[in-house]
Amino acid sequence: MSRIQTPRPIRGTQDMLGGTPDNLADRFAHVVDVFERVRKLYGFRRAEVPVFEATAVFARSLGESTDVVSKEMYTFEDRGGDSVTLRPEFTAGIARAYITEGWQQYAPLKVATHGPLFRYERPQKGRYRQFHQIDAEVIGAGEPLADVELLCFADHLLRELGVAEGVTLTLNTLGDAASRDAWRDALVAHFEAHREALSEDSVERLARNPLRILDSKDAGDQAVVATAPGIDDYLTDEAADFFEKVTDGLAAAGVAWTRNARLVRGLDYYRHTAFEFITDRLGAQGTVLGGGRYDGLIENMGGPATPAVGWAAGIERLAMLLDAGGEHRIDAVIALEDDAQVARALASLRALREAGLSAELVASGSPRKRFDKAAKIPAHALVSIGQRDGAPHLNVRGEGEIAARVEAAVRQAG
């Protein structure tokens, strides 16, 4: 009989297990736990949106000509003949729900979510085809203070995670629609004048998405970009005032930032503030968290003109910044050395957990070997329950506050 071959995991996915040396699953969970705690401090509602949507949701939000839509989306036709796409980002689904589910009644709406996303791209360190993000959005607030609030949330989150050191907030303005259009025209004229020096990709972008040329890593493109006109020369008074209020708000809130006048968002519905928190601790994948104001998206998707601003951060990347920490230890492990004492062991287990102490019971295999098995499990306290000289016996080994709490709980349980 031939051996059954186990299917391999799909490229660009990963499996994680808690309590292992790299502690990746625990670090991942810690990012989510801290995010949930901090978003409550800022009054952001929890939102859930589908993992898949009609393809048009993402085509409209991301742009038909973008790499995400043309090359990276997981799109398929369902049995009903509808084109469906696994979500590559959160904002589009939240914007769709804002329109279709009547969320406008809660505007200005502050929402936050987290979960898996999908993009078909080349896997590399910190980047997967199934990846996970935390996401925060403020919809229906056009004031600069909404941008400040979101940036304070992001800054607070990174500090609570303990990863803020070595992470820098870079900030730019894209201006209002008039500012952006004037700047775009000036950039097109500049790039056309240097067309021969541009890479093939940038020549293609020149026709459909010229602002993305500013992101190019090509050395020839960067030389052309270095002499390109900046946004500041094209800002309207209103746009300049908006950016000043954002930066003044950050100063008042104690959030440090630096200007990156080349930081852009390529799609036309982006306005005003664009930002990234960057670090050199992740190699080429230097962006930890990024976002901006997208005042034109809701209208672009068929809703009313609605200002909005948001950000997203990769959970895997944040987890990579966290220290793997020491050996994972539970509070107590109980060795059941006599099956006749199982009721007492279960009562002790319940008492420990109700006292907020993590606990595990070793009750399988030979009773004589259970103590040695339990002793190999990293724990603050080792509890043995059995019999000595025909009488019930309980012993607690361990030092420190947690061990003392464990002993008090199990002895009170009887």
Protein backbone atom coordinates (compact mmCIF):
# COMPACT_ATOMS: atom_id res chain seq x y z
CA MET A 1 0.00 0.00 0.00
CA SER A 2 1.37 3.39 -0.97
CA ARG A 3 1.89 5.93 1.76
CA ILE A 4 -0.65 8.77 1.92
CA GLN A 5 1.10 12.04 1.15
CA THR A 6 0.25 14.91 3.49
CA PRO A 7 -0.52 18.15 1.63
CA ARG A 8 2.03 20.89 2.22
CA PRO A 9 1.00 24.32 3.52
CA ILE A 10 0.27 26.84 0.79
CA ARG A 11 3.15 29.17 -0.02
CA GLY A 12 2.83 32.48 1.75
CA THR A 13 0.94 31.12 4.75
CA GLN A 14 2.23 30.21 8.19
CA ASP A 15 1.34 28.09 11.20
CA MET A 16 1.94 29.38 14.71
CA LEU A 17 1.93 27.59 18.07
CA GLY A 18 2.05 29.22 21.47
CA GLY A 19 4.64 28.32 24.07
CA THR A 20 7.37 27.60 21.52
CA PRO A 21 10.87 29.15 21.61
CA ASP A 22 10.07 31.95 19.15
CA ASN A 23 6.81 32.75 20.99
CA LEU A 24 5.40 34.07 17.70
CA ALA A 25 1.80 33.03 18.38
CA ASP A 26 1.96 34.63 21.82
CA ARG A 27 3.48 37.82 20.43
CA PHE A 28 0.80 37.88 17.73
CA ALA A 29 -1.95 37.53 20.35
CA HIS A 30 -0.29 40.22 22.48
CA VAL A 31 -0.47 42.72 19.60
CA VAL A 32 -4.21 42.07 19.24
CA ASP A 33 -4.82 42.25 23.00
CA VAL A 34 -3.05 45.61 23.31
CA PHE A 35 -4.83 46.95 20.23
CA GLU A 36 -8.21 46.00 21.69
CA ARG A 37 -7.35 47.65 25.00
CA VAL A 38 -6.06 50.89 23.46
CA ARG A 39 -8.91 51.26 20.94
CA LYS A 40 -11.36 51.19 23.88
CA LEU A 41 -9.41 54.01 25.53
CA TYR A 42 -10.00 56.10 22.40
CA GLY A 43 -13.68 55.18 22.05
CA PHE A 44 -13.37 53.22 18.80
CA ARG A 45 -16.21 50.77 18.16
CA ARG A 46 -15.39 47.20 17.18
CA ALA A 47 -16.42 46.45 13.58
CA GLU A 48 -16.57 43.22 11.61
CA VAL A 49 -16.81 43.06 7.82
CA PRO A 50 -16.82 40.01 5.51
CA VAL A 51 -13.63 38.25 4.49
CA PHE A 52 -14.87 38.38 0.88
CA GLU A 53 -16.75 41.05 -1.05
CA ALA A 54 -17.96 41.72 -4.56
CA THR A 55 -14.85 42.41 -6.64
CA ALA A 56 -16.20 45.86 -7.51
CA VAL A 57 -15.76 46.94 -3.88
CA PHE A 58 -11.98 46.70 -4.16
CA ALA A 59 -11.72 47.68 -7.82
CA ARG A 60 -13.39 51.00 -7.02
CA SER A 61 -11.48 51.64 -3.81
CA LEU A 62 -8.01 50.56 -4.92
CA GLY A 63 -8.27 51.53 -8.60
CA GLU A 64 -8.48 49.20 -11.59
CA SER A 65 -4.91 50.03 -12.68
CA THR A 66 -3.16 49.41 -9.35
CA ASP A 67 -0.92 46.38 -8.84
CA VAL A 68 -3.15 45.15 -6.03
CA VAL A 69 -6.19 44.93 -8.31
CA SER A 70 -4.44 43.85 -11.51
CA LYS A 71 -1.94 41.35 -10.06
CA GLU A 72 -2.41 40.60 -6.36
CA MET A 73 -6.09 40.02 -5.55
CA TYR A 74 -7.52 36.56 -4.96
CA THR A 75 -10.54 36.84 -7.25
CA PHE A 76 -12.84 34.04 -8.36
CA GLU A 77 -16.31 33.44 -9.76
CA ASP A 78 -18.70 31.82 -7.30
CA ARG A 79 -21.34 29.25 -8.24
CA GLY A 80 -23.82 32.02 -8.90
CA GLY A 81 -21.54 33.57 -11.49
CA ASP A 82 -20.63 36.60 -9.36
CA SER A 83 -17.06 37.88 -9.19
CA VAL A 84 -15.87 37.65 -5.59
CA THR A 85 -12.57 38.74 -4.02
CA LEU A 86 -10.90 37.84 -0.73
CA ARG A 87 -10.28 41.16 1.00
CA PRO A 88 -6.79 42.59 0.40
CA GLU A 89 -7.42 45.45 2.89
CA PHE A 90 -10.06 46.64 5.36
CA THR A 91 -10.96 50.18 4.34
CA ALA A 92 -13.01 49.28 1.27
CA GLY A 93 -15.23 46.83 3.16
CA ILE A 94 -15.77 49.29 5.98
CA ALA A 95 -16.63 52.03 3.47
CA ARG A 96 -19.09 49.70 1.74
CA ALA A 97 -20.72 48.82 5.08
CA TYR A 98 -20.94 52.51 5.98
CA ILE A 99 -23.05 53.03 2.85
CA THR A 100 -25.14 49.83 2.76
CA GLU A 101 -25.69 49.16 6.47
CA GLY A 102 -26.83 52.62 7.53
CA TRP A 103 -23.74 53.38 9.58
CA GLN A 104 -24.05 57.03 8.50
CA GLN A 105 -26.41 57.54 11.44
CA TYR A 106 -23.43 57.11 13.79
CA ALA A 107 -21.20 59.68 12.08
CA PRO A 108 -18.68 60.76 13.00
CA LEU A 109 -17.98 57.04 13.33
CA LYS A 110 -14.81 55.70 14.93
CA VAL A 111 -14.31 52.00 14.15
CA ALA A 112 -11.51 49.49 14.59
CA THR A 113 -11.05 45.91 13.48
CA HIS A 114 -8.45 43.20 12.92
CA GLY A 115 -8.19 39.95 11.01
CA PRO A 116 -6.79 38.14 7.97
CA LEU A 117 -6.24 39.69 4.54
CA PHE A 118 -5.08 38.14 1.28
CA ARG A 119 -2.72 39.26 -1.49
CA TYR A 120 -0.91 37.19 -4.08
CA GLU A 121 2.57 38.64 -3.82
CA ARG A 122 6.08 37.33 -3.36
CA PRO A 123 6.44 36.07 0.22
CA GLN A 124 9.31 37.56 2.20
CA LYS A 125 10.20 38.41 5.77
CA GLY A 126 7.15 39.94 7.43
CA ARG A 127 5.02 39.65 4.28
CA TYR A 128 2.68 36.75 3.53
CA ARG A 129 -0.11 35.94 1.10
CA GLN A 130 -2.42 35.48 4.05
CA PHE A 131 -1.49 38.23 6.47
CA HIS A 132 -3.18 40.03 9.33
CA GLN A 133 -3.76 43.67 10.13
CA ILE A 134 -5.16 45.91 12.80
CA ASP A 135 -7.14 48.81 11.38
CA ALA A 136 -8.70 52.05 12.65
CA GLU A 137 -10.93 54.50 10.78
CA VAL A 138 -12.75 57.78 11.52
CA ILE A 139 -15.57 58.32 9.02
CA GLY A 140 -17.62 61.49 8.75
CA ALA A 141 -15.16 63.86 10.45
CA GLY A 142 -13.46 66.39 8.19
CA GLU A 143 -11.66 68.32 10.91
CA PRO A 144 -7.87 68.10 11.41
CA LEU A 145 -8.50 66.90 14.97
CA ALA A 146 -9.71 63.57 13.55
CA ASP A 147 -6.28 63.08 11.97
CA VAL A 148 -4.63 64.03 15.26
CA GLU A 149 -6.82 61.58 17.18
CA LEU A 150 -5.90 58.71 14.87
CA LEU A 151 -2.21 59.52 15.01
CA CYS A 152 -2.33 59.74 18.80
CA PHE A 153 -4.04 56.32 18.85
CA ALA A 154 -1.28 54.86 16.67
CA ASP A 155 1.50 56.47 18.71
CA HIS A 156 -0.08 55.27 21.98
CA LEU A 157 -0.44 51.74 20.61
CA LEU A 158 3.22 51.51 19.62
CA ARG A 159 4.30 52.80 23.03
CA GLU A 160 2.02 50.32 24.83
CA LEU A 161 3.50 47.50 22.76
CA GLY A 162 6.98 48.65 23.74
CA VAL A 163 8.14 49.03 20.13
CA ALA A 164 8.10 52.83 19.77
CA GLU A 165 11.87 53.15 20.19
CA GLY A 166 13.45 53.33 16.75
CA VAL A 167 10.09 53.99 15.06
CA THR A 168 9.56 57.40 13.42
CA LEU A 169 6.31 59.04 12.35
CA THR A 170 6.77 60.54 8.87
CA LEU A 171 4.12 62.97 7.71
CA ASN A 172 3.09 64.76 4.54
CA THR A 173 0.14 66.62 3.09
CA LEU A 174 -1.42 65.90 -0.29
CA GLY A 175 -3.49 69.08 -0.05
CA ASP A 176 -7.11 69.43 -1.06
CA ALA A 177 -8.41 68.47 -4.52
CA ALA A 178 -7.25 71.73 -6.12
CA SER A 179 -3.77 71.47 -4.57
CA ARG A 180 -3.38 67.85 -5.59
CA ASP A 181 -4.52 68.46 -9.18
CA ALA A 182 -2.12 71.38 -9.63
CA TRP A 183 0.77 69.39 -8.15
CA ARG A 184 -0.09 66.37 -10.29
CA ASP A 185 0.01 68.49 -13.45
CA ALA A 186 3.39 69.92 -12.47
CA LEU A 187 4.76 66.45 -11.75
CA VAL A 188 3.54 65.11 -15.09
CA ALA A 189 5.25 68.00 -16.89
CA HIS A 190 8.48 67.35 -14.97
CA PHE A 191 8.47 63.62 -15.61
CA GLU A 192 7.60 64.07 -19.29
CA ALA A 193 10.61 66.36 -19.62
CA HIS A 194 12.79 63.56 -18.19
CA ARG A 195 10.92 60.66 -19.76
CA GLU A 196 14.05 59.08 -21.24
CA ALA A 197 15.60 58.76 -17.78
CA LEU A 198 12.59 56.98 -16.24
CA SER A 199 12.31 53.24 -15.78
CA GLU A 200 9.80 51.25 -17.82
CA ASP A 201 7.51 50.92 -14.79
CA SER A 202 7.55 54.66 -14.18
CA VAL A 203 6.82 55.46 -17.82
CA GLU A 204 3.76 53.23 -17.48
CA ARG A 205 2.78 54.97 -14.23
CA LEU A 206 3.17 58.37 -15.86
CA ALA A 207 0.00 57.81 -17.85
CA ARG A 208 -2.17 56.29 -15.13
CA ASN A 209 -0.74 57.07 -11.67
CA PRO A 210 2.12 59.61 -11.82
CA LEU A 211 2.34 60.21 -8.06
CA ARG A 212 3.50 56.62 -7.60
CA ILE A 213 6.72 57.49 -9.41
CA LEU A 214 7.72 59.31 -6.22
CA ASP A 215 7.75 55.87 -4.50
CA SER A 216 10.08 54.27 -7.03
CA LYS A 217 13.20 52.53 -5.73
CA ASP A 218 14.89 52.64 -9.14
CA ALA A 219 18.10 54.71 -9.01
CA GLY A 220 17.35 56.49 -12.29
CA ASP A 221 13.84 57.34 -11.16
CA GLN A 222 15.13 58.63 -7.84
CA ALA A 223 17.47 61.04 -9.63
CA VAL A 224 14.51 62.47 -11.55
CA VAL A 225 12.35 62.56 -8.42
CA ALA A 226 15.05 64.51 -6.55
CA THR A 227 14.43 67.55 -8.75
CA ALA A 228 10.65 67.17 -9.01
CA PRO A 229 8.41 69.99 -7.72
CA GLY A 230 7.09 69.61 -4.16
CA ILE A 231 3.52 69.84 -2.94
CA ASP A 232 4.16 72.93 -0.80
CA ASP A 233 4.36 75.18 -3.88
CA TYR A 234 0.83 74.17 -4.88
CA LEU A 235 -1.05 74.15 -1.57
CA THR A 236 -4.11 76.35 -1.34
CA ASP A 237 -4.39 78.51 1.78
CA GLU A 238 -7.07 76.15 3.10
CA ALA A 239 -4.89 73.07 2.57
CA ALA A 240 -1.87 74.71 4.21
CA ASP A 241 -4.02 75.70 7.18
CA PHE A 242 -5.33 72.14 7.52
CA PHE A 243 -1.82 70.68 7.64
CA GLU A 244 -0.69 73.31 10.14
CA LYS A 245 -3.58 72.41 12.44
CA VAL A 246 -2.64 68.72 12.24
CA THR A 247 1.00 69.40 13.11
CA ASP A 248 0.05 71.85 15.87
CA GLY A 249 -2.28 69.21 17.31
CA LEU A 250 0.46 66.60 17.30
CA ALA A 251 2.80 69.03 19.06
CA ALA A 252 0.17 69.72 21.71
CA ALA A 253 -0.35 65.97 22.19
CA GLY A 254 3.37 65.31 22.49
CA VAL A 255 3.62 63.18 19.32
CA ALA A 256 6.94 63.61 17.52
CA TRP A 257 7.06 63.56 13.71
CA THR A 258 9.28 64.34 10.74
CA ARG A 259 8.31 65.67 7.31
CA ASN A 260 8.61 63.47 4.23
CA ALA A 261 7.52 65.67 1.33
CA ARG A 262 7.71 62.68 -1.05
CA LEU A 263 5.25 60.53 0.90
CA VAL A 264 2.17 60.06 -1.29
CA ARG A 265 -0.98 58.05 -1.83
CA GLY A 266 -1.57 57.41 -5.51
CA LEU A 267 -5.36 57.34 -5.75
CA ASP A 268 -7.29 60.52 -6.46
CA TYR A 269 -9.65 60.26 -3.49
CA TYR A 270 -6.80 60.71 -1.00
CA ARG A 271 -6.59 64.20 0.49
CA HIS A 272 -4.53 66.14 3.01
CA THR A 273 -2.70 64.00 5.58
CA ALA A 274 -0.57 61.00 4.60
CA PHE A 275 1.62 59.26 7.15
CA GLU A 276 3.79 56.26 7.91
CA PHE A 277 5.48 54.99 11.05
CA ILE A 278 8.79 53.56 9.81
CA THR A 279 11.73 51.66 11.30
CA ASP A 280 15.02 50.21 10.11
CA ARG A 281 14.56 47.13 12.31
CA LEU A 282 12.58 45.20 9.67
CA GLY A 283 14.95 45.45 6.73
CA ALA A 284 13.26 46.37 3.46
CA GLN A 285 9.84 46.10 5.08
CA GLY A 286 10.35 49.32 6.99
CA THR A 287 6.75 50.53 7.30
CA VAL A 288 5.17 49.50 10.60
CA LEU A 289 1.90 51.42 10.28
CA GLY A 290 0.51 53.68 7.58
CA GLY A 291 -2.54 55.60 6.54
CA GLY A 292 -4.04 58.88 5.50
CA ARG A 293 -7.13 60.90 4.76
CA TYR A 294 -9.40 59.59 2.00
CA ASP A 295 -12.19 62.15 1.72
CA GLY A 296 -13.27 60.99 -1.75
CA LEU A 297 -13.63 57.22 -1.21
CA ILE A 298 -17.21 56.99 0.08
CA GLU A 299 -18.45 59.13 -2.81
CA ASN A 300 -16.36 57.09 -5.24
CA MET A 301 -18.23 53.99 -4.06
CA GLY A 302 -21.67 55.50 -4.62
CA GLY A 303 -22.27 57.10 -1.23
CA PRO A 304 -22.58 60.74 -0.23
CA ALA A 305 -19.50 62.96 -0.05
CA THR A 306 -17.98 61.90 3.29
CA PRO A 307 -14.62 62.83 4.84
CA ALA A 308 -12.63 59.98 6.36
CA VAL A 309 -9.19 59.10 7.65
CA GLY A 310 -7.66 55.80 8.72
CA TRP A 311 -4.62 53.62 9.23
CA ALA A 312 -3.61 49.97 9.21
CA ALA A 313 -0.66 48.00 10.58
CA GLY A 314 0.57 44.48 9.92
CA ILE A 315 0.26 42.27 12.98
CA GLU A 316 3.09 40.02 11.78
CA ARG A 317 5.43 43.00 11.45
CA LEU A 318 4.54 44.34 14.88
CA ALA A 319 5.03 40.87 16.36
CA MET A 320 8.49 40.74 14.77
CA LEU A 321 9.42 43.93 16.65
CA LEU A 322 8.44 42.42 19.98
CA ASP A 323 11.02 40.60 22.07
CA ALA A 324 10.43 36.84 21.95
CA GLY A 325 10.75 36.95 25.72
CA GLY A 326 11.78 34.16 28.03
CA GLU A 327 10.33 30.72 28.47
CA HIS A 328 6.54 30.69 28.61
CA ARG A 329 5.43 29.67 32.11
CA ILE A 330 1.95 28.93 33.38
CA ASP A 331 1.07 29.72 36.98
CA ALA A 332 0.48 26.17 38.20
CA VAL A 333 0.73 22.58 37.03
CA ILE A 334 -1.02 19.85 39.03
CA ALA A 335 0.30 16.29 39.07
CA LEU A 336 -2.45 13.78 39.95
CA GLU A 337 -0.43 11.01 41.59
CA ASP A 338 -3.44 8.97 42.71
CA ASP A 339 -6.56 8.58 40.59
CA ALA A 340 -8.64 8.30 43.76
CA GLN A 341 -7.92 12.02 44.31
CA VAL A 342 -9.27 13.16 40.93
CA ALA A 343 -12.19 15.06 42.50
CA ARG A 344 -9.77 17.04 44.66
CA ALA A 345 -7.54 17.75 41.68
CA LEU A 346 -10.47 19.03 39.62
CA ALA A 347 -11.66 21.20 42.51
CA SER A 348 -8.14 22.66 42.82
CA LEU A 349 -7.99 23.26 39.08
CA ARG A 350 -11.26 25.16 39.16
CA ALA A 351 -10.23 27.19 42.22
CA LEU A 352 -7.00 28.25 40.55
CA ARG A 353 -8.68 29.37 37.34
CA GLU A 354 -11.42 31.24 39.17
CA ALA A 355 -8.67 33.03 41.09
CA GLY A 356 -7.26 34.22 37.77
CA LEU A 357 -4.35 31.77 37.77
CA SER A 358 -3.51 29.68 34.71
CA ALA A 359 -3.35 25.97 35.51
CA GLU A 360 -2.84 22.63 33.82
CA LEU A 361 -3.56 19.10 35.07
CA VAL A 362 -1.28 16.13 34.35
CA ALA A 363 -3.46 13.03 34.74
CA SER A 364 -2.51 10.75 31.86
CA GLY A 365 -0.15 7.81 31.82
CA SER A 366 1.18 5.95 34.83
CA PRO A 367 0.42 7.77 38.13
CA ARG A 368 4.01 7.11 39.25
CA LYS A 369 5.41 9.04 36.28
CA ARG A 370 3.03 12.00 36.39
CA PHE A 371 5.06 14.03 38.87
CA ASP A 372 8.19 13.81 36.70
CA LYS A 373 6.13 14.71 33.64
CA ALA A 374 4.58 17.71 35.42
CA ALA A 375 7.98 18.87 36.66
CA LYS A 376 9.13 19.31 33.04
CA ILE A 377 6.35 21.82 32.32
CA PRO A 378 7.53 25.42 32.94
CA ALA A 379 5.38 26.72 35.80
CA HIS A 380 5.60 29.05 38.78
CA ALA A 381 4.24 26.34 41.08
CA LEU A 382 4.12 22.54 40.99
CA VAL A 383 1.21 20.98 42.88
CA SER A 384 1.17 17.25 43.66
CA ILE A 385 -2.07 15.61 44.79
CA GLY A 386 -2.05 11.98 45.90
CA GLN A 387 -1.88 9.82 48.99
CA ARG A 388 0.78 9.24 51.63
CA ASP A 389 0.41 6.44 54.15
CA GLY A 390 -3.22 5.96 53.13
CA ALA A 391 -4.16 9.61 53.68
CA PRO A 392 -4.79 12.37 51.13
CA HIS A 393 -1.65 14.39 50.49
CA LEU A 394 -1.11 17.80 48.88
CA ASN A 395 2.21 19.52 48.30
CA VAL A 396 3.06 22.80 46.58
CA ARG A 397 6.54 23.59 45.32
CA GLY A 398 7.51 27.06 44.14
CA GLU A 399 8.65 30.46 45.29
CA GLY A 400 7.34 33.97 44.95
CA GLU A 401 3.98 35.70 44.98
CA ILE A 402 2.36 33.51 42.32
CA ALA A 403 3.34 30.28 44.10
CA ALA A 404 1.91 31.67 47.34
CA ARG A 405 -1.38 32.48 45.59
CA VAL A 406 -1.45 28.99 44.09
CA GLU A 407 -0.97 27.34 47.48
CA ALA A 408 -3.68 29.48 49.08
CA ALA A 409 -6.16 28.63 46.32
CA VAL A 410 -5.61 24.86 46.31
CA ARG A 411 -5.65 24.53 50.10
CA GLN A 412 -8.86 26.55 50.27
CA ALA A 413 -10.35 24.21 47.65
CA GLY A 414 -9.81 21.37 50.11
